[in-house]
Amino acid sequence: DGCELIVAASDAQHVWDTLVDESGVTPCGLAARDVLRLEAGLMLY
């Protein structure tokens, strides 16, 4: 489950900091994303 957010480029840092620093959401990179989507059977173009 989850969601995706689109914000103005100038607001990206503020939203990122809010979620990471205030809400404790863990920053994740492309390697984890690739394993997660593969486990879910999702294709990569």
Full PDB file with SEQRES, HELIX, SHEET, SSBOND, CRYST1, ORIGX, SCALE, CONECT and MASTER records, all heavy atoms in Angstrom:
SEQRES   1 A   45  ASP GLY CYS GLU LEU ILE VAL ALA ALA SER ASP ALA GLN          
SEQRES   2 A   45  HIS VAL TRP ASP THR LEU VAL ASP GLU SER GLY VAL THR          
SEQRES   3 A   45  PRO CYS GLY LEU ALA ALA ARG ASP VAL LEU ARG LEU GLU          
SEQRES   4 A   45  ALA GLY LEU MET LEU TYR                                      
HELIX    1 AA1 ALA A    9  ASP A   11  5                                   3    
HELIX    2 AA2 ALA A   12  ASP A   17  1                                   6    
HELIX    3 AA3 THR A   18  GLU A   22  3                                   5    
HELIX    4 AA4 LEU A   30  GLU A   39  1                                  10    
CRYST1    1.000    1.000    1.000  90.00  90.00  90.00 P 1           1          
ORIGX1      1.000000  0.000000  0.000000        0.00000                         
ORIGX2      0.000000  1.000000  0.000000        0.00000                         
ORIGX3      0.000000  0.000000  1.000000        0.00000                         
SCALE1      1.000000  0.000000  0.000000        0.00000                         
SCALE2      0.000000  1.000000  0.000000        0.00000                         
SCALE3      0.000000  0.000000  1.000000        0.00000                         
ATOM      1  N   ASP A   1       0.855  -1.177   0.000  1.00  0.00           N  
ATOM      2  CA  ASP A   1       0.000   0.000   0.000  1.00  0.00           C  
ATOM      3  C   ASP A   1       0.895   1.232   0.000  1.00  0.00           C  
ATOM      4  O   ASP A   1       2.079   1.167   0.347  1.00  0.00           O  
ATOM      5  CB  ASP A   1      -0.901  -0.016   1.234  1.00  0.00           C  
ATOM      6  CG  ASP A   1      -2.028   1.014   1.151  1.00  0.00           C  
ATOM      7  OD1 ASP A   1      -2.221   1.600   0.062  1.00  0.00           O  
ATOM      8  OD2 ASP A   1      -2.710   1.216   2.168  1.00  0.00           O  
ATOM      9  N   GLY A   2       0.348   2.365  -0.359  1.00  0.00           N  
ATOM     10  CA  GLY A   2       1.144   3.579  -0.351  1.00  0.00           C  
ATOM     11  C   GLY A   2       0.548   4.637  -1.242  1.00  0.00           C  
ATOM     12  O   GLY A   2      -0.569   4.505  -1.748  1.00  0.00           O  
ATOM     13  N   CYS A   3       1.304   5.689  -1.434  1.00  0.00           N  
ATOM     14  CA  CYS A   3       0.836   6.781  -2.272  1.00  0.00           C  
ATOM     15  C   CYS A   3       2.031   7.459  -2.929  1.00  0.00           C  
ATOM     16  O   CYS A   3       3.189   7.259  -2.546  1.00  0.00           O  
ATOM     17  CB  CYS A   3       0.018   7.784  -1.467  1.00  0.00           C  
ATOM     18  SG  CYS A   3       0.871   8.431  -0.012  1.00  0.00           S  
ATOM     19  N   GLU A   4       1.720   8.248  -3.937  1.00  0.00           N  
ATOM     20  CA  GLU A   4       2.735   9.035  -4.635  1.00  0.00           C  
ATOM     21  C   GLU A   4       2.303  10.491  -4.625  1.00  0.00           C  
ATOM     22  O   GLU A   4       1.114  10.802  -4.786  1.00  0.00           O  
ATOM     23  CB  GLU A   4       2.924   8.500  -6.056  1.00  0.00           C  
ATOM     24  CG  GLU A   4       3.523   7.099  -6.043  1.00  0.00           C  
ATOM     25  CD  GLU A   4       3.671   6.472  -7.422  1.00  0.00           C  
ATOM     26  OE1 GLU A   4       2.660   6.420  -8.151  1.00  0.00           O  
ATOM     27  OE2 GLU A   4       4.788   6.034  -7.752  1.00  0.00           O  
ATOM     28  N   LEU A   5       3.265  11.362  -4.427  1.00  0.00           N  
ATOM     29  CA  LEU A   5       3.022  12.795  -4.310  1.00  0.00           C  
ATOM     30  C   LEU A   5       3.747  13.542  -5.421  1.00  0.00           C  
ATOM     31  O   LEU A   5       4.914  13.257  -5.693  1.00  0.00           O  
ATOM     32  CB  LEU A   5       3.529  13.315  -2.956  1.00  0.00           C  
ATOM     33  CG  LEU A   5       2.897  12.730  -1.698  1.00  0.00           C  
ATOM     34  CD1 LEU A   5       3.781  13.010  -0.489  1.00  0.00           C  
ATOM     35  CD2 LEU A   5       1.515  13.324  -1.485  1.00  0.00           C  
ATOM     36  N   ILE A   6       3.059  14.479  -6.036  1.00  0.00           N  
ATOM     37  CA  ILE A   6       3.682  15.389  -6.995  1.00  0.00           C  
ATOM     38  C   ILE A   6       3.566  16.795  -6.425  1.00  0.00           C  
ATOM     39  O   ILE A   6       2.468  17.259  -6.101  1.00  0.00           O  
ATOM     40  CB  ILE A   6       3.008  15.312  -8.374  1.00  0.00           C  
ATOM     41  CG1 ILE A   6       3.165  13.898  -8.955  1.00  0.00           C  
ATOM     42  CG2 ILE A   6       3.603  16.345  -9.327  1.00  0.00           C  
ATOM     43  CD1 ILE A   6       2.445  13.701 -10.277  1.00  0.00           C  
ATOM     44  N   VAL A   7       4.707  17.461  -6.273  1.00  0.00           N  
ATOM     45  CA  VAL A   7       4.763  18.811  -5.711  1.00  0.00           C  
ATOM     46  C   VAL A   7       5.653  19.675  -6.600  1.00  0.00           C  
ATOM     47  O   VAL A   7       6.386  19.161  -7.454  1.00  0.00           O  
ATOM     48  CB  VAL A   7       5.311  18.801  -4.266  1.00  0.00           C  
ATOM     49  CG1 VAL A   7       4.429  17.958  -3.369  1.00  0.00           C  
ATOM     50  CG2 VAL A   7       6.750  18.295  -4.235  1.00  0.00           C  
ATOM     51  N   ALA A   8       5.592  20.971  -6.403  1.00  0.00           N  
ATOM     52  CA  ALA A   8       6.502  21.869  -7.116  1.00  0.00           C  
ATOM     53  C   ALA A   8       7.940  21.509  -6.762  1.00  0.00           C  
ATOM     54  O   ALA A   8       8.235  21.123  -5.630  1.00  0.00           O  
ATOM     55  CB  ALA A   8       6.207  23.319  -6.756  1.00  0.00           C  
ATOM     56  N   ALA A   9       8.829  21.629  -7.730  1.00  0.00           N  
ATOM     57  CA  ALA A   9      10.236  21.298  -7.488  1.00  0.00           C  
ATOM     58  C   ALA A   9      10.790  22.077  -6.298  1.00  0.00           C  
ATOM     59  O   ALA A   9      11.579  21.543  -5.510  1.00  0.00           O  
ATOM     60  CB  ALA A   9      11.048  21.571  -8.745  1.00  0.00           C  
ATOM     61  N   SER A  10      10.365  23.307  -6.155  1.00  0.00           N  
ATOM     62  CA  SER A  10      10.862  24.155  -5.058  1.00  0.00           C  
ATOM     63  C   SER A  10      10.362  23.699  -3.686  1.00  0.00           C  
ATOM     64  O   SER A  10      10.915  24.090  -2.661  1.00  0.00           O  
ATOM     65  CB  SER A  10      10.444  25.608  -5.301  1.00  0.00           C  
ATOM     66  OG  SER A  10       9.031  25.713  -5.413  1.00  0.00           O  
ATOM     67  N   ASP A  11       9.303  22.863  -3.657  1.00  0.00           N  
ATOM     68  CA  ASP A  11       8.751  22.368  -2.389  1.00  0.00           C  
ATOM     69  C   ASP A  11       9.220  20.960  -2.045  1.00  0.00           C  
ATOM     70  O   ASP A  11       8.882  20.429  -0.975  1.00  0.00           O  
ATOM     71  CB  ASP A  11       7.219  22.369  -2.454  1.00  0.00           C  
ATOM     72  CG  ASP A  11       6.636  23.765  -2.515  1.00  0.00           C  
ATOM     73  OD1 ASP A  11       7.238  24.677  -1.913  1.00  0.00           O  
ATOM     74  OD2 ASP A  11       5.587  23.943  -3.162  1.00  0.00           O  
ATOM     75  N   ALA A  12       9.992  20.345  -2.930  1.00  0.00           N  
ATOM     76  CA  ALA A  12      10.367  18.948  -2.741  1.00  0.00           C  
ATOM     77  C   ALA A  12      11.143  18.730  -1.447  1.00  0.00           C  
ATOM     78  O   ALA A  12      10.882  17.771  -0.698  1.00  0.00           O  
ATOM     79  CB  ALA A  12      11.184  18.459  -3.937  1.00  0.00           C  
ATOM     80  N   GLN A  13      12.106  19.579  -1.154  1.00  0.00           N  
ATOM     81  CA  GLN A  13      12.929  19.398   0.039  1.00  0.00           C  
ATOM     82  C   GLN A  13      12.087  19.501   1.308  1.00  0.00           C  
ATOM     83  O   GLN A  13      12.259  18.711   2.249  1.00  0.00           O  
ATOM     84  CB  GLN A  13      14.038  20.451   0.062  1.00  0.00           C  
ATOM     85  CG  GLN A  13      15.070  20.224   1.156  1.00  0.00           C  
ATOM     86  CD  GLN A  13      15.895  18.976   0.905  1.00  0.00           C  
ATOM     87  OE1 GLN A  13      16.594  18.893  -0.101  1.00  0.00           O  
ATOM     88  NE2 GLN A  13      15.808  18.001   1.803  1.00  0.00           N  
ATOM     89  N   HIS A  14      11.167  20.447   1.333  1.00  0.00           N  
ATOM     90  CA  HIS A  14      10.305  20.634   2.499  1.00  0.00           C  
ATOM     91  C   HIS A  14       9.452  19.390   2.744  1.00  0.00           C  
ATOM     92  O   HIS A  14       9.336  18.907   3.895  1.00  0.00           O  
ATOM     93  CB  HIS A  14       9.421  21.864   2.293  1.00  0.00           C  
ATOM     94  CG  HIS A  14       8.332  22.013   3.302  1.00  0.00           C  
ATOM     95  ND1 HIS A  14       8.578  22.189   4.649  1.00  0.00           N  
ATOM     96  CD2 HIS A  14       6.972  21.991   3.160  1.00  0.00           C  
ATOM     97  CE1 HIS A  14       7.432  22.284   5.296  1.00  0.00           C  
ATOM     98  NE2 HIS A  14       6.443  22.162   4.420  1.00  0.00           N  
ATOM     99  N   VAL A  15       8.870  18.843   1.697  1.00  0.00           N  
ATOM    100  CA  VAL A  15       8.018  17.659   1.842  1.00  0.00           C  
ATOM    101  C   VAL A  15       8.850  16.447   2.235  1.00  0.00           C  
ATOM    102  O   VAL A  15       8.467  15.661   3.115  1.00  0.00           O  
ATOM    103  CB  VAL A  15       7.239  17.402   0.536  1.00  0.00           C  
ATOM    104  CG1 VAL A  15       6.479  16.081   0.614  1.00  0.00           C  
ATOM    105  CG2 VAL A  15       6.278  18.554   0.261  1.00  0.00           C  
ATOM    106  N   TRP A  16      10.009  16.286   1.606  1.00  0.00           N  
ATOM    107  CA  TRP A  16      10.910  15.181   1.951  1.00  0.00           C  
ATOM    108  C   TRP A  16      11.304  15.242   3.431  1.00  0.00           C  
ATOM    109  O   TRP A  16      11.216  14.242   4.154  1.00  0.00           O  
ATOM    110  CB  TRP A  16      12.151  15.243   1.061  1.00  0.00           C  
ATOM    111  CG  TRP A  16      13.236  14.255   1.381  1.00  0.00           C  
ATOM    112  CD1 TRP A  16      14.226  14.390   2.307  1.00  0.00           C  
ATOM    113  CD2 TRP A  16      13.452  12.969   0.767  1.00  0.00           C  
ATOM    114  NE1 TRP A  16      15.052  13.284   2.308  1.00  0.00           N  
ATOM    115  CE2 TRP A  16      14.601  12.402   1.383  1.00  0.00           C  
ATOM    116  CE3 TRP A  16      12.808  12.258  -0.237  1.00  0.00           C  
ATOM    117  CZ2 TRP A  16      15.115  11.151   1.016  1.00  0.00           C  
ATOM    118  CZ3 TRP A  16      13.305  11.009  -0.602  1.00  0.00           C  
ATOM    119  CH2 TRP A  16      14.446  10.462   0.021  1.00  0.00           C  
ATOM    120  N   ASP A  17      11.737  16.415   3.889  1.00  0.00           N  
ATOM    121  CA  ASP A  17      12.162  16.569   5.286  1.00  0.00           C  
ATOM    122  C   ASP A  17      11.010  16.301   6.252  1.00  0.00           C  
ATOM    123  O   ASP A  17      11.210  15.707   7.326  1.00  0.00           O  
ATOM    124  CB  ASP A  17      12.712  17.977   5.515  1.00  0.00           C  
ATOM    125  CG  ASP A  17      14.044  18.211   4.822  1.00  0.00           C  
ATOM    126  OD1 ASP A  17      14.688  17.221   4.414  1.00  0.00           O  
ATOM    127  OD2 ASP A  17      14.434  19.387   4.667  1.00  0.00           O  
ATOM    128  N   THR A  18       9.811  16.731   5.880  1.00  0.00           N  
ATOM    129  CA  THR A  18       8.651  16.494   6.728  1.00  0.00           C  
ATOM    130  C   THR A  18       8.415  15.008   6.933  1.00  0.00           C  
ATOM    131  O   THR A  18       8.190  14.539   8.053  1.00  0.00           O  
ATOM    132  CB  THR A  18       7.396  17.144   6.121  1.00  0.00           C  
ATOM    133  OG1 THR A  18       7.584  18.562   6.050  1.00  0.00           O  
ATOM    134  CG2 THR A  18       6.160  16.830   6.958  1.00  0.00           C  
ATOM    135  N   LEU A  19       8.487  14.246   5.855  1.00  0.00           N  
ATOM    136  CA  LEU A  19       8.214  12.812   5.935  1.00  0.00           C  
ATOM    137  C   LEU A  19       9.357  12.033   6.583  1.00  0.00           C  
ATOM    138  O   LEU A  19       9.126  11.101   7.358  1.00  0.00           O  
ATOM    139  CB  LEU A  19       7.924  12.263   4.538  1.00  0.00           C  
ATOM    140  CG  LEU A  19       6.579  12.696   3.958  1.00  0.00           C  
ATOM    141  CD1 LEU A  19       6.515  12.430   2.464  1.00  0.00           C  
ATOM    142  CD2 LEU A  19       5.436  11.988   4.673  1.00  0.00           C  
ATOM    143  N   VAL A  20      10.601  12.425   6.283  1.00  0.00           N  
ATOM    144  CA  VAL A  20      11.752  11.702   6.821  1.00  0.00           C  
ATOM    145  C   VAL A  20      12.027  12.086   8.265  1.00  0.00           C  
ATOM    146  O   VAL A  20      12.191  11.217   9.144  1.00  0.00           O  
ATOM    147  CB  VAL A  20      13.001  11.946   5.948  1.00  0.00           C  
ATOM    148  CG1 VAL A  20      14.246  11.334   6.592  1.00  0.00           C  
ATOM    149  CG2 VAL A  20      12.796  11.359   4.549  1.00  0.00           C  
ATOM    150  N   ASP A  21      12.070  13.385   8.554  1.00  0.00           N  
ATOM    151  CA  ASP A  21      12.460  13.846   9.886  1.00  0.00           C  
ATOM    152  C   ASP A  21      11.302  13.830  10.887  1.00  0.00           C  
ATOM    153  O   ASP A  21      11.489  13.450  12.048  1.00  0.00           O  
ATOM    154  CB  ASP A  21      13.035  15.258   9.802  1.00  0.00           C  
ATOM    155  CG  ASP A  21      14.302  15.319   8.952  1.00  0.00           C  
ATOM    156  OD1 ASP A  21      14.961  14.270   8.824  1.00  0.00           O  
ATOM    157  OD2 ASP A  21      14.608  16.392   8.404  1.00  0.00           O  
ATOM    158  N   GLU A  22      10.124  14.244  10.454  1.00  0.00           N  
ATOM    159  CA  GLU A  22       8.996  14.325  11.383  1.00  0.00           C  
ATOM    160  C   GLU A  22       8.236  13.001  11.487  1.00  0.00           C  
ATOM    161  O   GLU A  22       7.824  12.607  12.581  1.00  0.00           O  
ATOM    162  CB  GLU A  22       8.028  15.434  10.952  1.00  0.00           C  
ATOM    163  CG  GLU A  22       8.598  16.834  11.057  1.00  0.00           C  
ATOM    164  CD  GLU A  22       7.562  17.893  10.736  1.00  0.00           C  
ATOM    165  OE1 GLU A  22       6.351  17.572  10.766  1.00  0.00           O  
ATOM    166  OE2 GLU A  22       7.959  19.035  10.435  1.00  0.00           O  
ATOM    167  N   SER A  23       8.039  12.317  10.354  1.00  0.00           N  
ATOM    168  CA  SER A  23       7.227  11.098  10.362  1.00  0.00           C  
ATOM    169  C   SER A  23       8.056   9.826  10.424  1.00  0.00           C  
ATOM    170  O   SER A  23       7.502   8.731  10.549  1.00  0.00           O  
ATOM    171  CB  SER A  23       6.324  11.071   9.118  1.00  0.00           C  
ATOM    172  OG  SER A  23       5.418  12.146   9.138  1.00  0.00           O  
ATOM    173  N   GLY A  24       9.384   9.944  10.311  1.00  0.00           N  
ATOM    174  CA  GLY A  24      10.249   8.785  10.445  1.00  0.00           C  
ATOM    175  C   GLY A  24      10.197   7.809   9.285  1.00  0.00           C  
ATOM    176  O   GLY A  24      10.498   6.622   9.459  1.00  0.00           O  
ATOM    177  N   VAL A  25       9.827   8.277   8.108  1.00  0.00           N  
ATOM    178  CA  VAL A  25       9.788   7.418   6.931  1.00  0.00           C  
ATOM    179  C   VAL A  25      11.220   7.183   6.443  1.00  0.00           C  
ATOM    180  O   VAL A  25      12.031   8.117   6.379  1.00  0.00           O  
ATOM    181  CB  VAL A  25       8.920   8.046   5.826  1.00  0.00           C  
ATOM    182  CG1 VAL A  25       8.902   7.154   4.596  1.00  0.00           C  
ATOM    183  CG2 VAL A  25       7.492   8.260   6.338  1.00  0.00           C  
ATOM    184  N   THR A  26      11.559   5.960   6.086  1.00  0.00           N  
ATOM    185  CA  THR A  26      12.927   5.580   5.737  1.00  0.00           C  
ATOM    186  C   THR A  26      13.257   5.895   4.279  1.00  0.00           C  
ATOM    187  O   THR A  26      12.545   5.431   3.381  1.00  0.00           O  
ATOM    188  CB  THR A  26      13.135   4.073   5.963  1.00  0.00           C  
ATOM    189  OG1 THR A  26      12.872   3.767   7.334  1.00  0.00           O  
ATOM    190  CG2 THR A  26      14.553   3.648   5.604  1.00  0.00           C  
ATOM    191  N   PRO A  27      14.320   6.654   4.008  1.00  0.00           N  
ATOM    192  CA  PRO A  27      14.754   6.871   2.620  1.00  0.00           C  
ATOM    193  C   PRO A  27      15.204   5.554   1.989  1.00  0.00           C  
ATOM    194  O   PRO A  27      15.946   4.779   2.608  1.00  0.00           O  
ATOM    195  CB  PRO A  27      15.925   7.840   2.758  1.00  0.00           C  
ATOM    196  CG  PRO A  27      15.731   8.500   4.074  1.00  0.00           C  
ATOM    197  CD  PRO A  27      15.125   7.453   4.955  1.00  0.00           C  
ATOM    198  N   CYS A  28      14.755   5.304   0.763  1.00  0.00           N  
ATOM    199  CA  CYS A  28      15.061   4.052   0.065  1.00  0.00           C  
ATOM    200  C   CYS A  28      15.530   4.353  -1.352  1.00  0.00           C  
ATOM    201  O   CYS A  28      15.079   5.316  -1.973  1.00  0.00           O  
ATOM    202  CB  CYS A  28      13.834   3.147   0.007  1.00  0.00           C  
ATOM    203  SG  CYS A  28      13.172   2.674   1.616  1.00  0.00           S  
ATOM    204  N   GLY A  29      16.426   3.490  -1.853  1.00  0.00           N  
ATOM    205  CA  GLY A  29      16.995   3.693  -3.171  1.00  0.00           C  
ATOM    206  C   GLY A  29      16.469   2.736  -4.222  1.00  0.00           C  
ATOM    207  O   GLY A  29      15.595   1.891  -3.968  1.00  0.00           O  
ATOM    208  N   LEU A  30      17.047   2.843  -5.408  1.00  0.00           N  
ATOM    209  CA  LEU A  30      16.580   2.067  -6.549  1.00  0.00           C  
ATOM    210  C   LEU A  30      16.778   0.562  -6.368  1.00  0.00           C  
ATOM    211  O   LEU A  30      15.992  -0.235  -6.890  1.00  0.00           O  
ATOM    212  CB  LEU A  30      17.309   2.520  -7.816  1.00  0.00           C  
ATOM    213  CG  LEU A  30      17.025   3.936  -8.313  1.00  0.00           C  
ATOM    214  CD1 LEU A  30      17.896   4.238  -9.522  1.00  0.00           C  
ATOM    215  CD2 LEU A  30      15.556   4.102  -8.663  1.00  0.00           C  
ATOM    216  N   ALA A  31      17.814   0.144  -5.648  1.00  0.00           N  
ATOM    217  CA  ALA A  31      18.067  -1.291  -5.483  1.00  0.00           C  
ATOM    218  C   ALA A  31      16.940  -1.952  -4.707  1.00  0.00           C  
ATOM    219  O   ALA A  31      16.442  -3.022  -5.097  1.00  0.00           O  
ATOM    220  CB  ALA A  31      19.410  -1.510  -4.797  1.00  0.00           C  
ATOM    221  N   ALA A  32      16.516  -1.345  -3.607  1.00  0.00           N  
ATOM    222  CA  ALA A  32      15.406  -1.899  -2.839  1.00  0.00           C  
ATOM    223  C   ALA A  32      14.123  -1.873  -3.653  1.00  0.00           C  
ATOM    224  O   ALA A  32      13.334  -2.825  -3.634  1.00  0.00           O  
ATOM    225  CB  ALA A  32      15.227  -1.119  -1.537  1.00  0.00           C  
ATOM    226  N   ARG A  33      13.925  -0.793  -4.385  1.00  0.00           N  
ATOM    227  CA  ARG A  33      12.722  -0.678  -5.222  1.00  0.00           C  
ATOM    228  C   ARG A  33      12.672  -1.782  -6.267  1.00  0.00           C  
ATOM    229  O   ARG A  33      11.609  -2.345  -6.571  1.00  0.00           O  
ATOM    230  CB  ARG A  33      12.708   0.704  -5.884  1.00  0.00           C  
ATOM    231  CG  ARG A  33      11.418   1.080  -6.615  1.00  0.00           C  
ATOM    232  CD  ARG A  33      11.458   2.551  -6.963  1.00  0.00           C  
ATOM    233  NE  ARG A  33      10.256   3.005  -7.650  1.00  0.00           N  
ATOM    234  CZ  ARG A  33      10.217   3.380  -8.919  1.00  0.00           C  
ATOM    235  NH1 ARG A  33      11.317   3.323  -9.662  1.00  0.00           N  
ATOM    236  NH2 ARG A  33       9.099   3.807  -9.465  1.00  0.00           N  
ATOM    237  N   ASP A  34      13.832  -2.146  -6.817  1.00  0.00           N  
ATOM    238  CA  ASP A  34      13.874  -3.174  -7.845  1.00  0.00           C  
ATOM    239  C   ASP A  34      13.509  -4.539  -7.275  1.00  0.00           C  
ATOM    240  O   ASP A  34      12.779  -5.313  -7.900  1.00  0.00           O  
ATOM    241  CB  ASP A  34      15.262  -3.217  -8.485  1.00  0.00           C  
ATOM    242  CG  ASP A  34      15.277  -4.016  -9.768  1.00  0.00           C  
ATOM    243  OD1 ASP A  34      14.448  -3.740 -10.658  1.00  0.00           O  
ATOM    244  OD2 ASP A  34      16.119  -4.920  -9.901  1.00  0.00           O  
ATOM    245  N   VAL A  35      14.003  -4.844  -6.080  1.00  0.00           N  
ATOM    246  CA  VAL A  35      13.665  -6.126  -5.454  1.00  0.00           C  
ATOM    247  C   VAL A  35      12.186  -6.156  -5.068  1.00  0.00           C  
ATOM    248  O   VAL A  35      11.493  -7.157  -5.281  1.00  0.00           O  
ATOM    249  CB  VAL A  35      14.548  -6.382  -4.221  1.00  0.00           C  
ATOM    250  CG1 VAL A  35      14.122  -7.667  -3.513  1.00  0.00           C  
ATOM    251  CG2 VAL A  35      16.013  -6.459  -4.614  1.00  0.00           C  
ATOM    252  N   LEU A  36      11.686  -5.061  -4.520  1.00  0.00           N  
ATOM    253  CA  LEU A  36      10.287  -4.986  -4.115  1.00  0.00           C  
ATOM    254  C   LEU A  36       9.352  -5.183  -5.298  1.00  0.00           C  
ATOM    255  O   LEU A  36       8.391  -5.960  -5.231  1.00  0.00           O  
ATOM    256  CB  LEU A  36      10.016  -3.636  -3.441  1.00  0.00           C  
ATOM    257  CG  LEU A  36      10.665  -3.419  -2.069  1.00  0.00           C  
ATOM    258  CD1 LEU A  36      10.773  -1.938  -1.760  1.00  0.00           C  
ATOM    259  CD2 LEU A  36       9.873  -4.136  -0.983  1.00  0.00           C  
ATOM    260  N   ARG A  37       9.628  -4.496  -6.397  1.00  0.00           N  
ATOM    261  CA  ARG A  37       8.725  -4.608  -7.559  1.00  0.00           C  
ATOM    262  C   ARG A  37       8.830  -5.989  -8.180  1.00  0.00           C  
ATOM    263  O   ARG A  37       7.838  -6.527  -8.686  1.00  0.00           O  
ATOM    264  CB  ARG A  37       9.020  -3.499  -8.570  1.00  0.00           C  
ATOM    265  CG  ARG A  37      10.365  -3.553  -9.297  1.00  0.00           C  
ATOM    266  CD  ARG A  37      10.331  -4.357 -10.571  1.00  0.00           C  
ATOM    267  NE  ARG A  37      11.674  -4.555 -11.124  1.00  0.00           N  
ATOM    268  CZ  ARG A  37      11.919  -5.415 -12.100  1.00  0.00           C  
ATOM    269  NH1 ARG A  37      10.969  -6.149 -12.631  1.00  0.00           N  
ATOM    270  NH2 ARG A  37      13.156  -5.566 -12.547  1.00  0.00           N  
ATOM    271  N   LEU A  38      10.021  -6.616  -8.146  1.00  0.00           N  
ATOM    272  CA  LEU A  38      10.166  -7.958  -8.696  1.00  0.00           C  
ATOM    273  C   LEU A  38       9.377  -8.959  -7.861  1.00  0.00           C  
ATOM    274  O   LEU A  38       8.680  -9.833  -8.408  1.00  0.00           O  
ATOM    275  CB  LEU A  38      11.638  -8.337  -8.765  1.00  0.00           C  
ATOM    276  CG  LEU A  38      11.962  -9.731  -9.318  1.00  0.00           C  
ATOM    277  CD1 LEU A  38      11.392  -9.920 -10.719  1.00  0.00           C  
ATOM    278  CD2 LEU A  38      13.474  -9.956  -9.326  1.00  0.00           C  
ATOM    279  N   GLU A  39       9.466  -8.872  -6.538  1.00  0.00           N  
ATOM    280  CA  GLU A  39       8.677  -9.754  -5.676  1.00  0.00           C  
ATOM    281  C   GLU A  39       7.181  -9.625  -5.971  1.00  0.00           C  
ATOM    282  O   GLU A  39       6.432 -10.597  -5.897  1.00  0.00           O  
ATOM    283  CB  GLU A  39       8.940  -9.430  -4.205  1.00  0.00           C  
ATOM    284  CG  GLU A  39      10.321  -9.817  -3.716  1.00  0.00           C  
ATOM    285  CD  GLU A  39      10.542  -9.467  -2.262  1.00  0.00           C  
ATOM    286  OE1 GLU A  39       9.863  -8.546  -1.738  1.00  0.00           O  
ATOM    287  OE2 GLU A  39      11.390 -10.120  -1.628  1.00  0.00           O  
ATOM    288  N   ALA A  40       6.766  -8.400  -6.321  1.00  0.00           N  
ATOM    289  CA  ALA A  40       5.354  -8.146  -6.625  1.00  0.00           C  
ATOM    290  C   ALA A  40       4.995  -8.503  -8.061  1.00  0.00           C  
ATOM    291  O   ALA A  40       3.839  -8.317  -8.470  1.00  0.00           O  
ATOM    292  CB  ALA A  40       5.031  -6.672  -6.360  1.00  0.00           C  
ATOM    293  N   GLY A  41       5.964  -9.014  -8.833  1.00  0.00           N  
ATOM    294  CA  GLY A  41       5.702  -9.417 -10.203  1.00  0.00           C  
ATOM    295  C   GLY A  41       5.468  -8.263 -11.147  1.00  0.00           C  
ATOM    296  O   GLY A  41       4.791  -8.412 -12.175  1.00  0.00           O  
ATOM    297  N   LEU A  42       6.039  -7.094 -10.850  1.00  0.00           N  
ATOM    298  CA  LEU A  42       5.853  -5.907 -11.679  1.00  0.00           C  
ATOM    299  C   LEU A  42       6.997  -5.781 -12.679  1.00  0.00           C  
ATOM    300  O   LEU A  42       8.164  -5.951 -12.333  1.00  0.00           O  
ATOM    301  CB  LEU A  42       5.761  -4.659 -10.802  1.00  0.00           C  
ATOM    302  CG  LEU A  42       4.615  -4.680  -9.773  1.00  0.00           C  
ATOM    303  CD1 LEU A  42       4.700  -3.470  -8.867  1.00  0.00           C  
ATOM    304  CD2 LEU A  42       3.263  -4.743 -10.473  1.00  0.00           C  
ATOM    305  N   MET A  43       6.646  -5.440 -13.921  1.00  0.00           N  
ATOM    306  CA  MET A  43       7.629  -5.372 -14.994  1.00  0.00           C  
ATOM    307  C   MET A  43       8.439  -4.072 -14.939  1.00  0.00           C  
ATOM    308  O   MET A  43       7.939  -3.027 -14.517  1.00  0.00           O  
ATOM    309  CB  MET A  43       6.942  -5.433 -16.365  1.00  0.00           C  
ATOM    310  CG  MET A  43       6.010  -6.618 -16.575  1.00  0.00           C  
ATOM    311  SD  MET A  43       6.846  -8.199 -16.614  1.00  0.00           S  
ATOM    312  CE  MET A  43       6.252  -8.911 -15.078  1.00  0.00           C  
ATOM    313  N   LEU A  44       9.684  -4.143 -15.392  1.00  0.00           N  
ATOM    314  CA  LEU A  44      10.536  -2.966 -15.544  1.00  0.00           C  
ATOM    315  C   LEU A  44      10.795  -2.747 -17.021  1.00  0.00           C  
ATOM    316  O   LEU A  44      11.332  -3.630 -17.704  1.00  0.00           O  
ATOM    317  CB  LEU A  44      11.864  -3.153 -14.807  1.00  0.00           C  
ATOM    318  CG  LEU A  44      12.910  -2.048 -15.018  1.00  0.00           C  
ATOM    319  CD1 LEU A  44      12.394  -0.708 -14.493  1.00  0.00           C  
ATOM    320  CD2 LEU A  44      14.229  -2.402 -14.351  1.00  0.00           C  
ATOM    321  N   TYR A  45      10.421  -1.561 -17.514  1.00  0.00           N  
ATOM    322  CA  TYR A  45      10.641  -1.282 -18.930  1.00  0.00           C  
ATOM    323  C   TYR A  45      12.144  -1.230 -19.227  1.00  0.00           C  
ATOM    324  O   TYR A  45      12.922  -0.677 -18.470  1.00  0.00           O  
ATOM    325  CB  TYR A  45       9.991   0.040 -19.377  1.00  0.00           C  
ATOM    326  CG  TYR A  45       9.946   0.103 -20.887  1.00  0.00           C  
ATOM    327  CD1 TYR A  45       8.849  -0.368 -21.582  1.00  0.00           C  
ATOM    328  CD2 TYR A  45      11.056   0.542 -21.619  1.00  0.00           C  
ATOM    329  CE1 TYR A  45       8.829  -0.385 -22.975  1.00  0.00           C  
ATOM    330  CE2 TYR A  45      11.055   0.521 -22.998  1.00  0.00           C  
ATOM    331  CZ  TYR A  45       9.935   0.053 -23.663  1.00  0.00           C  
ATOM    332  OH  TYR A  45       9.940   0.018 -25.037  1.00  0.00           O  
TER     333      TYR A  45                                                      
MASTER        0    0    0    4    0    0    0    6  332    1    0    4          
END                                                                             
